[in-house]
């Protein structure tokens, strides 16, 4: 029994180490172009949720500069970009953007958002 548990522990450690080493970064410059085409209308030029179409929405777009959004993991943000947010105008981009484009947008958001902003 101890051998089985030890083997499982080693497999979990190796698997998680391998996964954490598989960091795929997007290209912020490419992400800016994708953002401007697909996100700017609602989230705005400053990523503050004050885009030109945001005034017409009942549910306001997220302020991507806020500490709440910045505290989310890359995985959480990618899920949001991919699947959207239920009961909000944030629709999912799965099938509209490639996985690489979503990573690029995420990299752009991370690059533009300052680390020390408080909201």
PDB file of N, CA and C in Angstrom:
ATOM      1  N   UNK A   1       0.825  -1.181   0.000  1.00  0.00           N
ATOM      2  CA  UNK A   1       0.000   0.000   0.000  1.00  0.00           C
ATOM      3  C   UNK A   1       0.878   1.256   0.000  1.00  0.00           C
ATOM      4  N   UNK A   2       1.938   1.261   0.816  1.00  0.00           N
ATOM      5  CA  UNK A   2       2.835   2.417   0.865  1.00  0.00           C
ATOM      6  C   UNK A   2       3.509   2.626  -0.480  1.00  0.00           C
ATOM      7  N   UNK A   3       3.842   1.538  -1.152  1.00  0.00           N
ATOM      8  CA  UNK A   3       4.488   1.630  -2.463  1.00  0.00           C
ATOM      9  C   UNK A   3       3.545   2.260  -3.479  1.00  0.00           C
ATOM     10  N   UNK A   4       2.285   1.896  -3.433  1.00  0.00           N
ATOM     11  CA  UNK A   4       1.304   2.460  -4.363  1.00  0.00           C
ATOM     12  C   UNK A   4       1.131   3.955  -4.102  1.00  0.00           C
ATOM     13  N   UNK A   5       1.011   4.321  -2.830  1.00  0.00           N
ATOM     14  CA  UNK A   5       0.865   5.733  -2.496  1.00  0.00           C
ATOM     15  C   UNK A   5       2.101   6.536  -2.883  1.00  0.00           C
ATOM     16  N   UNK A   6       3.263   5.974  -2.669  1.00  0.00           N
ATOM     17  CA  UNK A   6       4.507   6.651  -3.044  1.00  0.00           C
ATOM     18  C   UNK A   6       4.577   6.827  -4.556  1.00  0.00           C
ATOM     19  N   UNK A   7       4.184   5.809  -5.285  1.00  0.00           N
ATOM     20  CA  UNK A   7       4.190   5.884  -6.746  1.00  0.00           C
ATOM     21  C   UNK A   7       3.224   6.953  -7.235  1.00  0.00           C
ATOM     22  N   UNK A   8       2.036   6.991  -6.641  1.00  0.00           N
ATOM     23  CA  UNK A   8       1.054   8.006  -7.018  1.00  0.00           C
ATOM     24  C   UNK A   8       1.586   9.404  -6.705  1.00  0.00           C
ATOM     25  N   UNK A   9       2.208   9.565  -5.543  1.00  0.00           N
ATOM     26  CA  UNK A   9       2.765  10.863  -5.160  1.00  0.00           C
ATOM     27  C   UNK A   9       3.837  11.303  -6.152  1.00  0.00           C
ATOM     28  N   UNK A  10       4.699  10.394  -6.555  1.00  0.00           N
ATOM     29  CA  UNK A  10       5.752  10.724  -7.527  1.00  0.00           C
ATOM     30  C   UNK A  10       5.131  11.096  -8.868  1.00  0.00           C
ATOM     31  N   UNK A  11       4.130  10.340  -9.307  1.00  0.00           N
ATOM     32  CA  UNK A  11       3.476  10.635 -10.580  1.00  0.00           C
ATOM     33  C   UNK A  11       2.791  12.004 -10.553  1.00  0.00           C
ATOM     34  N   UNK A  12       2.133  12.311  -9.462  1.00  0.00           N
ATOM     35  CA  UNK A  12       1.481  13.612  -9.334  1.00  0.00           C
ATOM     36  C   UNK A  12       2.529  14.719  -9.361  1.00  0.00           C
ATOM     37  N   UNK A  13       3.611  14.552  -8.635  1.00  0.00           N
ATOM     38  CA  UNK A  13       4.673  15.556  -8.606  1.00  0.00           C
ATOM     39  C   UNK A  13       5.271  15.759  -9.996  1.00  0.00           C
ATOM     40  N   UNK A  14       5.581  14.681 -10.681  1.00  0.00           N
ATOM     41  CA  UNK A  14       6.177  14.773 -12.019  1.00  0.00           C
ATOM     42  C   UNK A  14       5.200  15.419 -12.987  1.00  0.00           C
ATOM     43  N   UNK A  15       3.939  15.001 -12.922  1.00  0.00           N
ATOM     44  CA  UNK A  15       2.933  15.550 -13.837  1.00  0.00           C
ATOM     45  C   UNK A  15       2.736  17.041 -13.602  1.00  0.00           C
ATOM     46  N   UNK A  16       2.620  17.466 -12.345  1.00  0.00           N
ATOM     47  CA  UNK A  16       2.413  18.879 -12.074  1.00  0.00           C
ATOM     48  C   UNK A  16       3.655  19.690 -12.403  1.00  0.00           C
ATOM     49  N   UNK A  17       4.822  19.125 -12.200  1.00  0.00           N
ATOM     50  CA  UNK A  17       6.052  19.824 -12.562  1.00  0.00           C
ATOM     51  C   UNK A  17       6.130  20.003 -14.066  1.00  0.00           C
ATOM     52  N   UNK A  18       5.746  18.962 -14.804  1.00  0.00           N
ATOM     53  CA  UNK A  18       5.781  19.043 -16.255  1.00  0.00           C
ATOM     54  C   UNK A  18       4.785  20.078 -16.746  1.00  0.00           C
ATOM     55  N   UNK A  19       3.579  20.073 -16.179  1.00  0.00           N
ATOM     56  CA  UNK A  19       2.549  21.021 -16.594  1.00  0.00           C
ATOM     57  C   UNK A  19       2.979  22.439 -16.281  1.00  0.00           C
ATOM     58  N   UNK A  20       3.519  22.669 -15.085  1.00  0.00           N
ATOM     59  CA  UNK A  20       3.916  24.032 -14.740  1.00  0.00           C
ATOM     60  C   UNK A  20       5.099  24.499 -15.582  1.00  0.00           C
ATOM     61  N   UNK A  21       5.885  23.573 -16.097  1.00  0.00           N
ATOM     62  CA  UNK A  21       7.002  23.948 -16.958  1.00  0.00           C
ATOM     63  C   UNK A  21       6.532  24.262 -18.371  1.00  0.00           C
ATOM     64  N   UNK A  22       5.314  23.846 -18.716  1.00  0.00           N
ATOM     65  CA  UNK A  22       4.782  24.075 -20.048  1.00  0.00           C
ATOM     66  C   UNK A  22       4.092  25.428 -20.120  1.00  0.00           C
ATOM     67  N   UNK A  23       4.815  26.489 -19.886  1.00  0.00           N
ATOM     68  CA  UNK A  23       4.257  27.826 -19.910  1.00  0.00           C
ATOM     69  C   UNK A  23       4.286  28.334 -21.345  1.00  0.00           C
ATOM     70  N   UNK A  24       3.126  28.604 -21.860  1.00  0.00           N
ATOM     71  CA  UNK A  24       3.020  29.129 -23.208  1.00  0.00           C
ATOM     72  C   UNK A  24       2.626  30.585 -23.095  1.00  0.00           C
ATOM     73  N   UNK A  25       3.466  31.428 -23.557  1.00  0.00           N
ATOM     74  CA  UNK A  25       3.197  32.864 -23.480  1.00  0.00           C
ATOM     75  C   UNK A  25       2.696  33.353 -24.823  1.00  0.00           C
ATOM     76  N   UNK A  26       1.800  34.299 -24.761  1.00  0.00           N
ATOM     77  CA  UNK A  26       1.315  34.920 -25.978  1.00  0.00           C
ATOM     78  C   UNK A  26       2.180  36.100 -26.359  1.00  0.00           C
ATOM     79  N   UNK A  27       1.880  36.675 -27.487  1.00  0.00           N
ATOM     80  CA  UNK A  27       2.594  37.822 -28.011  1.00  0.00           C
ATOM     81  C   UNK A  27       1.738  39.070 -27.754  1.00  0.00           C
ATOM     82  N   UNK A  28       2.174  39.956 -26.848  1.00  0.00           N
ATOM     83  CA  UNK A  28       1.361  41.129 -26.521  1.00  0.00           C
ATOM     84  C   UNK A  28       1.104  42.048 -27.720  1.00  0.00           C
ATOM     85  N   UNK A  29       2.047  42.136 -28.627  1.00  0.00           N
ATOM     86  CA  UNK A  29       1.862  42.998 -29.805  1.00  0.00           C
ATOM     87  C   UNK A  29       0.743  42.445 -30.690  1.00  0.00           C
ATOM     88  N   UNK A  30       0.743  41.129 -30.904  1.00  0.00           N
ATOM     89  CA  UNK A  30      -0.341  40.497 -31.660  1.00  0.00           C
ATOM     90  C   UNK A  30      -1.646  40.617 -30.875  1.00  0.00           C
ATOM     91  N   UNK A  31      -1.549  40.473 -29.553  1.00  0.00           N
ATOM     92  CA  UNK A  31      -2.721  40.571 -28.694  1.00  0.00           C
ATOM     93  C   UNK A  31      -3.371  41.936 -28.749  1.00  0.00           C
ATOM     94  N   UNK A  32      -2.568  42.982 -28.903  1.00  0.00           N
ATOM     95  CA  UNK A  32      -3.116  44.337 -29.002  1.00  0.00           C
ATOM     96  C   UNK A  32      -4.006  44.448 -30.231  1.00  0.00           C
ATOM     97  N   UNK A  33      -3.562  43.897 -31.350  1.00  0.00           N
ATOM     98  CA  UNK A  33      -4.362  43.942 -32.581  1.00  0.00           C
ATOM     99  C   UNK A  33      -5.672  43.170 -32.409  1.00  0.00           C
ATOM    100  N   UNK A  34      -5.614  42.012 -31.773  1.00  0.00           N
ATOM    101  CA  UNK A  34      -6.823  41.215 -31.530  1.00  0.00           C
ATOM    102  C   UNK A  34      -7.743  41.957 -30.561  1.00  0.00           C
ATOM    103  N   UNK A  35      -7.173  42.546 -29.522  1.00  0.00           N
ATOM    104  CA  UNK A  35      -7.951  43.320 -28.548  1.00  0.00           C
ATOM    105  C   UNK A  35      -8.670  44.476 -29.237  1.00  0.00           C
ATOM    106  N   UNK A  36      -7.945  45.227 -30.039  1.00  0.00           N
ATOM    107  CA  UNK A  36      -8.536  46.386 -30.708  1.00  0.00           C
ATOM    108  C   UNK A  36      -9.686  45.978 -31.624  1.00  0.00           C
ATOM    109  N   UNK A  37      -9.574  44.833 -32.239  1.00  0.00           N
ATOM    110  CA  UNK A  37     -10.617  44.359 -33.158  1.00  0.00           C
ATOM    111  C   UNK A  37     -11.830  43.787 -32.414  1.00  0.00           C
ATOM    112  N   UNK A  38     -11.610  43.098 -31.293  1.00  0.00           N
ATOM    113  CA  UNK A  38     -12.671  42.335 -30.664  1.00  0.00           C
ATOM    114  C   UNK A  38     -13.120  42.825 -29.282  1.00  0.00           C
ATOM    115  N   UNK A  39     -12.300  43.574 -28.583  1.00  0.00           N
ATOM    116  CA  UNK A  39     -12.569  43.876 -27.173  1.00  0.00           C
ATOM    117  C   UNK A  39     -12.725  45.361 -26.874  1.00  0.00           C
ATOM    118  N   UNK A  40     -12.078  46.187 -27.648  1.00  0.00           N
ATOM    119  CA  UNK A  40     -12.004  47.617 -27.380  1.00  0.00           C
ATOM    120  C   UNK A  40     -13.379  48.277 -27.302  1.00  0.00           C
ATOM    121  N   UNK A  41     -14.326  47.845 -28.123  1.00  0.00           N
ATOM    122  CA  UNK A  41     -15.661  48.485 -28.146  1.00  0.00           C
ATOM    123  C   UNK A  41     -16.306  48.489 -26.767  1.00  0.00           C
ATOM    124  N   UNK A  42     -16.078  47.438 -26.009  1.00  0.00           N
ATOM    125  CA  UNK A  42     -16.684  47.367 -24.668  1.00  0.00           C
ATOM    126  C   UNK A  42     -15.689  47.719 -23.560  1.00  0.00           C
ATOM    127  N   UNK A  43     -14.492  47.179 -23.629  1.00  0.00           N
ATOM    128  CA  UNK A  43     -13.525  47.345 -22.543  1.00  0.00           C
ATOM    129  C   UNK A  43     -12.713  48.631 -22.657  1.00  0.00           C
ATOM    130  N   UNK A  44     -12.730  49.286 -23.800  1.00  0.00           N
ATOM    131  CA  UNK A  44     -12.104  50.590 -23.959  1.00  0.00           C
ATOM    132  C   UNK A  44     -10.621  50.561 -24.265  1.00  0.00           C
ATOM    133  N   UNK A  45     -10.139  51.717 -24.713  1.00  0.00           N
ATOM    134  CA  UNK A  45      -8.720  51.866 -25.049  1.00  0.00           C
ATOM    135  C   UNK A  45      -7.819  51.677 -23.844  1.00  0.00           C
ATOM    136  N   UNK A  46      -8.302  52.114 -22.679  1.00  0.00           N
ATOM    137  CA  UNK A  46      -7.508  52.017 -21.457  1.00  0.00           C
ATOM    138  C   UNK A  46      -7.777  50.733 -20.687  1.00  0.00           C
ATOM    139  N   UNK A  47      -8.592  49.821 -21.266  1.00  0.00           N
ATOM    140  CA  UNK A  47      -8.958  48.549 -20.635  1.00  0.00           C
ATOM    141  C   UNK A  47      -9.725  48.765 -19.337  1.00  0.00           C
ATOM    142  N   UNK A  48     -10.389  49.905 -19.228  1.00  0.00           N
ATOM    143  CA  UNK A  48     -11.065  50.265 -17.986  1.00  0.00           C
ATOM    144  C   UNK A  48     -12.561  49.979 -17.991  1.00  0.00           C
ATOM    145  N   UNK A  49     -13.057  49.331 -19.042  1.00  0.00           N
ATOM    146  CA  UNK A  49     -14.478  49.015 -19.123  1.00  0.00           C
ATOM    147  C   UNK A  49     -15.331  50.157 -19.636  1.00  0.00           C
ATOM    148  N   UNK A  50     -14.686  51.186 -20.167  1.00  0.00           N
ATOM    149  CA  UNK A  50     -15.409  52.366 -20.649  1.00  0.00           C
ATOM    150  C   UNK A  50     -15.281  52.530 -22.154  1.00  0.00           C
ATOM    151  N   UNK A  51     -15.511  51.452 -22.876  1.00  0.00           N
ATOM    152  CA  UNK A  51     -15.469  51.515 -24.334  1.00  0.00           C
ATOM    153  C   UNK A  51     -16.689  52.245 -24.880  1.00  0.00           C
ATOM    154  N   UNK A  52     -16.675  52.598 -26.157  1.00  0.00           N
ATOM    155  CA  UNK A  52     -17.779  53.361 -26.748  1.00  0.00           C
ATOM    156  C   UNK A  52     -19.130  52.652 -26.674  1.00  0.00           C
ATOM    157  N   UNK A  53     -19.171  51.337 -26.666  1.00  0.00           N
ATOM    158  CA  UNK A  53     -20.445  50.621 -26.584  1.00  0.00           C
ATOM    159  C   UNK A  53     -20.842  50.267 -25.148  1.00  0.00           C
ATOM    160  N   UNK A  54     -19.982  50.548 -24.186  1.00  0.00           N
ATOM    161  CA  UNK A  54     -20.264  50.166 -22.797  1.00  0.00           C
ATOM    162  C   UNK A  54     -21.449  50.929 -22.211  1.00  0.00           C
ATOM    163  N   UNK A  55     -21.694  52.137 -22.702  1.00  0.00           N
ATOM    164  CA  UNK A  55     -22.786  52.957 -22.176  1.00  0.00           C
ATOM    165  C   UNK A  55     -24.155  52.332 -22.435  1.00  0.00           C
ATOM    166  N   UNK A  56     -24.252  51.518 -23.480  1.00  0.00           N
ATOM    167  CA  UNK A  56     -25.527  50.912 -23.867  1.00  0.00           C
ATOM    168  C   UNK A  56     -25.776  49.564 -23.196  1.00  0.00           C
ATOM    169  N   UNK A  57     -24.844  49.109 -22.363  1.00  0.00           N
ATOM    170  CA  UNK A  57     -24.969  47.786 -21.758  1.00  0.00           C
ATOM    171  C   UNK A  57     -25.533  47.878 -20.345  1.00  0.00           C
ATOM    172  N   UNK A  58     -26.418  46.981 -20.019  1.00  0.00           N
ATOM    173  CA  UNK A  58     -26.978  46.934 -18.666  1.00  0.00           C
ATOM    174  C   UNK A  58     -25.916  46.437 -17.687  1.00  0.00           C
ATOM    175  N   UNK A  59     -25.210  45.381 -18.076  1.00  0.00           N
ATOM    176  CA  UNK A  59     -24.104  44.856 -17.264  1.00  0.00           C
ATOM    177  C   UNK A  59     -22.823  45.466 -17.819  1.00  0.00           C
ATOM    178  N   UNK A  60     -22.150  46.246 -16.996  1.00  0.00           N
ATOM    179  CA  UNK A  60     -20.942  46.949 -17.438  1.00  0.00           C
ATOM    180  C   UNK A  60     -19.804  45.975 -17.712  1.00  0.00           C
ATOM    181  N   UNK A  61     -18.988  46.262 -18.716  1.00  0.00           N
ATOM    182  CA  UNK A  61     -17.815  45.427 -18.985  1.00  0.00           C
ATOM    183  C   UNK A  61     -16.816  45.508 -17.828  1.00  0.00           C
ATOM    184  N   UNK A  62     -16.059  44.463 -17.670  1.00  0.00           N
ATOM    185  CA  UNK A  62     -15.053  44.431 -16.607  1.00  0.00           C
ATOM    186  C   UNK A  62     -13.972  45.471 -16.860  1.00  0.00           C
ATOM    187  N   UNK A  63     -13.512  46.058 -15.781  1.00  0.00           N
ATOM    188  CA  UNK A  63     -12.342  46.930 -15.815  1.00  0.00           C
ATOM    189  C   UNK A  63     -11.132  46.008 -15.736  1.00  0.00           C
ATOM    190  N   UNK A  64     -10.471  45.816 -16.860  1.00  0.00           N
ATOM    191  CA  UNK A  64      -9.350  44.880 -16.921  1.00  0.00           C
ATOM    192  C   UNK A  64      -8.116  45.387 -16.188  1.00  0.00           C
ATOM    193  N   UNK A  65      -8.160  46.638 -15.729  1.00  0.00           N
ATOM    194  CA  UNK A  65      -7.065  47.217 -14.953  1.00  0.00           C
ATOM    195  C   UNK A  65      -7.290  47.037 -13.449  1.00  0.00           C
ATOM    196  N   UNK A  66      -8.479  46.589 -13.064  1.00  0.00           N
ATOM    197  CA  UNK A  66      -8.806  46.498 -11.638  1.00  0.00           C
ATOM    198  C   UNK A  66      -8.006  45.405 -10.941  1.00  0.00           C
ATOM    199  N   UNK A  67      -7.870  45.570  -9.645  1.00  0.00           N
ATOM    200  CA  UNK A  67      -7.143  44.566  -8.857  1.00  0.00           C
ATOM    201  C   UNK A  67      -7.890  43.235  -8.848  1.00  0.00           C
ATOM    202  N   UNK A  68      -9.209  43.273  -8.970  1.00  0.00           N
ATOM    203  CA  UNK A  68      -9.985  42.030  -9.000  1.00  0.00           C
ATOM    204  C   UNK A  68      -9.616  41.206 -10.226  1.00  0.00           C
ATOM    205  N   UNK A  69      -9.593  41.846 -11.381  1.00  0.00           N
ATOM    206  CA  UNK A  69      -9.246  41.128 -12.616  1.00  0.00           C
ATOM    207  C   UNK A  69      -7.777  40.725 -12.604  1.00  0.00           C
ATOM    208  N   UNK A  70      -6.917  41.629 -12.155  1.00  0.00           N
ATOM    209  CA  UNK A  70      -5.481  41.315 -12.139  1.00  0.00           C
ATOM    210  C   UNK A  70      -5.141  40.191 -11.177  1.00  0.00           C
ATOM    211  N   UNK A  71      -5.993  39.973 -10.169  1.00  0.00           N
ATOM    212  CA  UNK A  71      -5.717  38.896  -9.212  1.00  0.00           C
ATOM    213  C   UNK A  71      -6.142  37.525  -9.741  1.00  0.00           C
ATOM    214  N   UNK A  72      -6.885  37.505 -10.816  1.00  0.00           N
ATOM    215  CA  UNK A  72      -7.293  36.229 -11.404  1.00  0.00           C
ATOM    216  C   UNK A  72      -6.102  35.562 -12.077  1.00  0.00           C
ATOM    217  N   UNK A  73      -6.123  34.247 -12.100  1.00  0.00           N
ATOM    218  CA  UNK A  73      -5.056  33.512 -12.760  1.00  0.00           C
ATOM    219  C   UNK A  73      -5.224  33.605 -14.273  1.00  0.00           C
ATOM    220  N   UNK A  74      -4.161  33.320 -14.982  1.00  0.00           N
ATOM    221  CA  UNK A  74      -4.245  33.285 -16.440  1.00  0.00           C
ATOM    222  C   UNK A  74      -5.309  32.286 -16.875  1.00  0.00           C
ATOM    223  N   UNK A  75      -5.370  31.156 -16.199  1.00  0.00           N
ATOM    224  CA  UNK A  75      -6.354  30.134 -16.536  1.00  0.00           C
ATOM    225  C   UNK A  75      -7.777  30.696 -16.403  1.00  0.00           C
ATOM    226  N   UNK A  76      -8.069  31.392 -15.309  1.00  0.00           N
ATOM    227  CA  UNK A  76      -9.406  31.954 -15.112  1.00  0.00           C
ATOM    228  C   UNK A  76      -9.757  32.951 -16.217  1.00  0.00           C
ATOM    229  N   UNK A  77      -8.803  33.782 -16.586  1.00  0.00           N
ATOM    230  CA  UNK A  77      -9.064  34.761 -17.636  1.00  0.00           C
ATOM    231  C   UNK A  77      -9.230  34.092 -18.993  1.00  0.00           C
ATOM    232  N   UNK A  78      -8.444  33.064 -19.260  1.00  0.00           N
ATOM    233  CA  UNK A  78      -8.593  32.339 -20.529  1.00  0.00           C
ATOM    234  C   UNK A  78      -9.945  31.645 -20.616  1.00  0.00           C
ATOM    235  N   UNK A  79     -10.415  31.105 -19.515  1.00  0.00           N
ATOM    236  CA  UNK A  79     -11.745  30.481 -19.497  1.00  0.00           C
ATOM    237  C   UNK A  79     -12.804  31.541 -19.787  1.00  0.00           C
ATOM    238  N   UNK A  80     -12.662  32.719 -19.213  1.00  0.00           N
ATOM    239  CA  UNK A  80     -13.613  33.808 -19.455  1.00  0.00           C
ATOM    240  C   UNK A  80     -13.580  34.245 -20.911  1.00  0.00           C
ATOM    241  N   UNK A  81     -12.393  34.416 -21.459  1.00  0.00           N
ATOM    242  CA  UNK A  81     -12.265  34.814 -22.863  1.00  0.00           C
ATOM    243  C   UNK A  81     -12.869  33.737 -23.758  1.00  0.00           C
ATOM    244  N   UNK A  82     -12.604  32.511 -23.451  1.00  0.00           N
ATOM    245  CA  UNK A  82     -13.064  31.397 -24.269  1.00  0.00           C
ATOM    246  C   UNK A  82     -14.575  31.174 -24.167  1.00  0.00           C
ATOM    247  N   UNK A  83     -15.103  31.162 -22.937  1.00  0.00           N
ATOM    248  CA  UNK A  83     -16.503  30.785 -22.712  1.00  0.00           C
ATOM    249  C   UNK A  83     -17.447  31.947 -22.470  1.00  0.00           C
ATOM    250  N   UNK A  84     -16.924  33.126 -22.164  1.00  0.00           N
ATOM    251  CA  UNK A  84     -17.774  34.260 -21.862  1.00  0.00           C
ATOM    252  C   UNK A  84     -18.221  34.236 -20.413  1.00  0.00           C
ATOM    253  N   UNK A  85     -19.138  35.140 -20.066  1.00  0.00           N
ATOM    254  CA  UNK A  85     -19.676  35.250 -18.710  1.00  0.00           C
ATOM    255  C   UNK A  85     -21.193  35.157 -18.806  1.00  0.00           C
ATOM    256  N   UNK A  86     -21.748  34.207 -18.115  1.00  0.00           N
ATOM    257  CA  UNK A  86     -23.183  33.971 -18.126  1.00  0.00           C
ATOM    258  C   UNK A  86     -23.942  35.206 -17.635  1.00  0.00           C
ATOM    259  N   UNK A  87     -25.052  35.513 -18.270  1.00  0.00           N
ATOM    260  CA  UNK A  87     -25.921  36.640 -17.925  1.00  0.00           C
ATOM    261  C   UNK A  87     -25.222  37.993 -18.053  1.00  0.00           C
ATOM    262  N   UNK A  88     -24.290  38.076 -18.996  1.00  0.00           N
ATOM    263  CA  UNK A  88     -23.617  39.343 -19.267  1.00  0.00           C
ATOM    264  C   UNK A  88     -23.402  39.454 -20.775  1.00  0.00           C
ATOM    265  N   UNK A  89     -23.058  40.630 -21.245  1.00  0.00           N
ATOM    266  CA  UNK A  89     -22.791  40.774 -22.680  1.00  0.00           C
ATOM    267  C   UNK A  89     -21.436  40.193 -23.105  1.00  0.00           C
ATOM    268  N   UNK A  90     -20.654  39.714 -22.149  1.00  0.00           N
ATOM    269  CA  UNK A  90     -19.352  39.114 -22.480  1.00  0.00           C
ATOM    270  C   UNK A  90     -19.595  37.729 -23.058  1.00  0.00           C
ATOM    271  N   UNK A  91     -19.517  37.653 -24.397  1.00  0.00           N
ATOM    272  CA  UNK A  91     -19.699  36.365 -25.051  1.00  0.00           C
ATOM    273  C   UNK A  91     -18.371  35.653 -25.199  1.00  0.00           C
ATOM    274  N   UNK A  92     -18.418  34.373 -25.398  1.00  0.00           N
ATOM    275  CA  UNK A  92     -17.202  33.584 -25.552  1.00  0.00           C
ATOM    276  C   UNK A  92     -16.615  33.720 -26.943  1.00  0.00           C
ATOM    277  N   UNK A  93     -15.312  33.590 -27.016  1.00  0.00           N
ATOM    278  CA  UNK A  93     -14.611  33.716 -28.290  1.00  0.00           C
ATOM    279  C   UNK A  93     -14.095  32.375 -28.814  1.00  0.00           C
ATOM    280  N   UNK A  94     -14.484  31.285 -28.150  1.00  0.00           N
ATOM    281  CA  UNK A  94     -14.093  29.972 -28.659  1.00  0.00           C
ATOM    282  C   UNK A  94     -14.738  29.798 -30.032  1.00  0.00           C
ATOM    283  N   UNK A  95     -13.938  29.417 -30.997  1.00  0.00           N
ATOM    284  CA  UNK A  95     -14.430  29.266 -32.360  1.00  0.00           C
ATOM    285  C   UNK A  95     -14.305  30.535 -33.179  1.00  0.00           C
ATOM    286  N   UNK A  96     -14.157  31.675 -32.516  1.00  0.00           N
ATOM    287  CA  UNK A  96     -13.970  32.950 -33.212  1.00  0.00           C
ATOM    288  C   UNK A  96     -12.504  33.352 -33.224  1.00  0.00           C
ATOM    289  N   UNK A  97     -11.821  33.028 -32.122  1.00  0.00           N
ATOM    290  CA  UNK A  97     -10.381  33.280 -32.005  1.00  0.00           C
ATOM    291  C   UNK A  97      -9.679  31.939 -31.832  1.00  0.00           C
ATOM    292  N   UNK A  98      -8.461  31.876 -32.299  1.00  0.00           N
ATOM    293  CA  UNK A  98      -7.664  30.679 -32.073  1.00  0.00           C
ATOM    294  C   UNK A  98      -7.157  30.683 -30.636  1.00  0.00           C
ATOM    295  N   UNK A  99      -6.691  29.542 -30.168  1.00  0.00           N
ATOM    296  CA  UNK A  99      -6.104  29.479 -28.829  1.00  0.00           C
ATOM    297  C   UNK A  99      -4.943  30.459 -28.713  1.00  0.00           C
ATOM    298  N   UNK A 100      -4.127  30.550 -29.765  1.00  0.00           N
ATOM    299  CA  UNK A 100      -2.984  31.461 -29.745  1.00  0.00           C
ATOM    300  C   UNK A 100      -3.440  32.912 -29.647  1.00  0.00           C
ATOM    301  N   UNK A 101      -4.503  33.280 -30.361  1.00  0.00           N
ATOM    302  CA  UNK A 101      -5.005  34.650 -30.291  1.00  0.00           C
ATOM    303  C   UNK A 101      -5.507  34.976 -28.880  1.00  0.00           C
ATOM    304  N   UNK A 102      -6.145  33.998 -28.237  1.00  0.00           N
ATOM    305  CA  UNK A 102      -6.610  34.231 -26.859  1.00  0.00           C
ATOM    306  C   UNK A 102      -5.419  34.399 -25.922  1.00  0.00           C
ATOM    307  N   UNK A 103      -4.368  33.621 -26.115  1.00  0.00           N
ATOM    308  CA  UNK A 103      -3.150  33.794 -25.311  1.00  0.00           C
ATOM    309  C   UNK A 103      -2.514  35.151 -25.580  1.00  0.00           C
ATOM    310  N   UNK A 104      -2.537  35.569 -26.838  1.00  0.00           N
ATOM    311  CA  UNK A 104      -1.977  36.873 -27.196  1.00  0.00           C
ATOM    312  C   UNK A 104      -2.740  38.005 -26.512  1.00  0.00           C
ATOM    313  N   UNK A 105      -4.069  37.930 -26.517  1.00  0.00           N
ATOM    314  CA  UNK A 105      -4.885  38.955 -25.854  1.00  0.00           C
ATOM    315  C   UNK A 105      -4.588  38.973 -24.357  1.00  0.00           C
ATOM    316  N   UNK A 106      -4.503  37.800 -23.763  1.00  0.00           N
ATOM    317  CA  UNK A 106      -4.182  37.724 -22.340  1.00  0.00           C
ATOM    318  C   UNK A 106      -2.824  38.367 -22.064  1.00  0.00           C
ATOM    319  N   UNK A 107      -1.844  38.096 -22.897  1.00  0.00           N
ATOM    320  CA  UNK A 107      -0.510  38.692 -22.718  1.00  0.00           C
ATOM    321  C   UNK A 107      -0.566  40.211 -22.857  1.00  0.00           C
ATOM    322  N   UNK A 108      -1.384  40.692 -23.777  1.00  0.00           N
ATOM    323  CA  UNK A 108      -1.532  42.141 -23.933  1.00  0.00           C
ATOM    324  C   UNK A 108      -2.162  42.748 -22.680  1.00  0.00           C
ATOM    325  N   UNK A 109      -3.223  42.120 -22.185  1.00  0.00           N
ATOM    326  CA  UNK A 109      -3.880  42.628 -20.972  1.00  0.00           C
ATOM    327  C   UNK A 109      -2.899  42.651 -19.811  1.00  0.00           C
ATOM    328  N   UNK A 110      -2.122  41.586 -19.640  1.00  0.00           N
ATOM    329  CA  UNK A 110      -1.143  41.522 -18.547  1.00  0.00           C
ATOM    330  C   UNK A 110      -0.052  42.574 -18.729  1.00  0.00           C
ATOM    331  N   UNK A 111       0.362  42.807 -19.969  1.00  0.00           N
ATOM    332  CA  UNK A 111       1.448  43.758 -20.229  1.00  0.00           C
ATOM    333  C   UNK A 111       1.006  45.196 -19.978  1.00  0.00           C
ATOM    334  N   UNK A 112      -0.252  45.505 -20.264  1.00  0.00           N
ATOM    335  CA  UNK A 112      -0.745  46.873 -20.143  1.00  0.00           C
ATOM    336  C   UNK A 112      -1.178  47.205 -18.713  1.00  0.00           C
ATOM    337  N   UNK A 113      -1.666  46.214 -17.976  1.00  0.00           N
ATOM    338  CA  UNK A 113      -2.171  46.461 -16.637  1.00  0.00           C
ATOM    339  C   UNK A 113      -1.030  46.602 -15.638  1.00  0.00           C
ATOM    340  N   UNK A 114      -0.929  47.756 -14.994  1.00  0.00           N
ATOM    341  CA  UNK A 114       0.128  47.938 -14.006  1.00  0.00           C
ATOM    342  C   UNK A 114      -0.089  47.031 -12.783  1.00  0.00           C
ATOM    343  N   UNK A 115       0.984  46.638 -12.179  1.00  0.00           N
ATOM    344  CA  UNK A 115       0.911  45.700 -11.039  1.00  0.00           C
ATOM    345  C   UNK A 115       0.477  46.383  -9.755  1.00  0.00           C
ATOM    346  N   UNK A 116       0.603  47.704  -9.662  1.00  0.00           N
ATOM    347  CA  UNK A 116       0.353  48.372  -8.383  1.00  0.00           C
ATOM    348  C   UNK A 116      -0.927  49.209  -8.354  1.00  0.00           C
ATOM    349  N   UNK A 117      -1.792  49.066  -9.319  1.00  0.00           N
ATOM    350  CA  UNK A 117      -3.024  49.851  -9.333  1.00  0.00           C
ATOM    351  C   UNK A 117      -4.005  49.306  -8.301  1.00  0.00           C
ATOM    352  N   UNK A 118      -4.745  50.170  -7.648  1.00  0.00           N
ATOM    353  CA  UNK A 118      -5.720  49.762  -6.630  1.00  0.00           C
ATOM    354  C   UNK A 118      -7.085  50.263  -7.078  1.00  0.00           C
ATOM    355  N   UNK A 119      -8.102  49.391  -6.965  1.00  0.00           N
ATOM    356  CA  UNK A 119      -9.459  49.857  -7.316  1.00  0.00           C
ATOM    357  C   UNK A 119     -10.449  49.363  -6.314  1.00  0.00           C
TER     358      UNK A 119
END
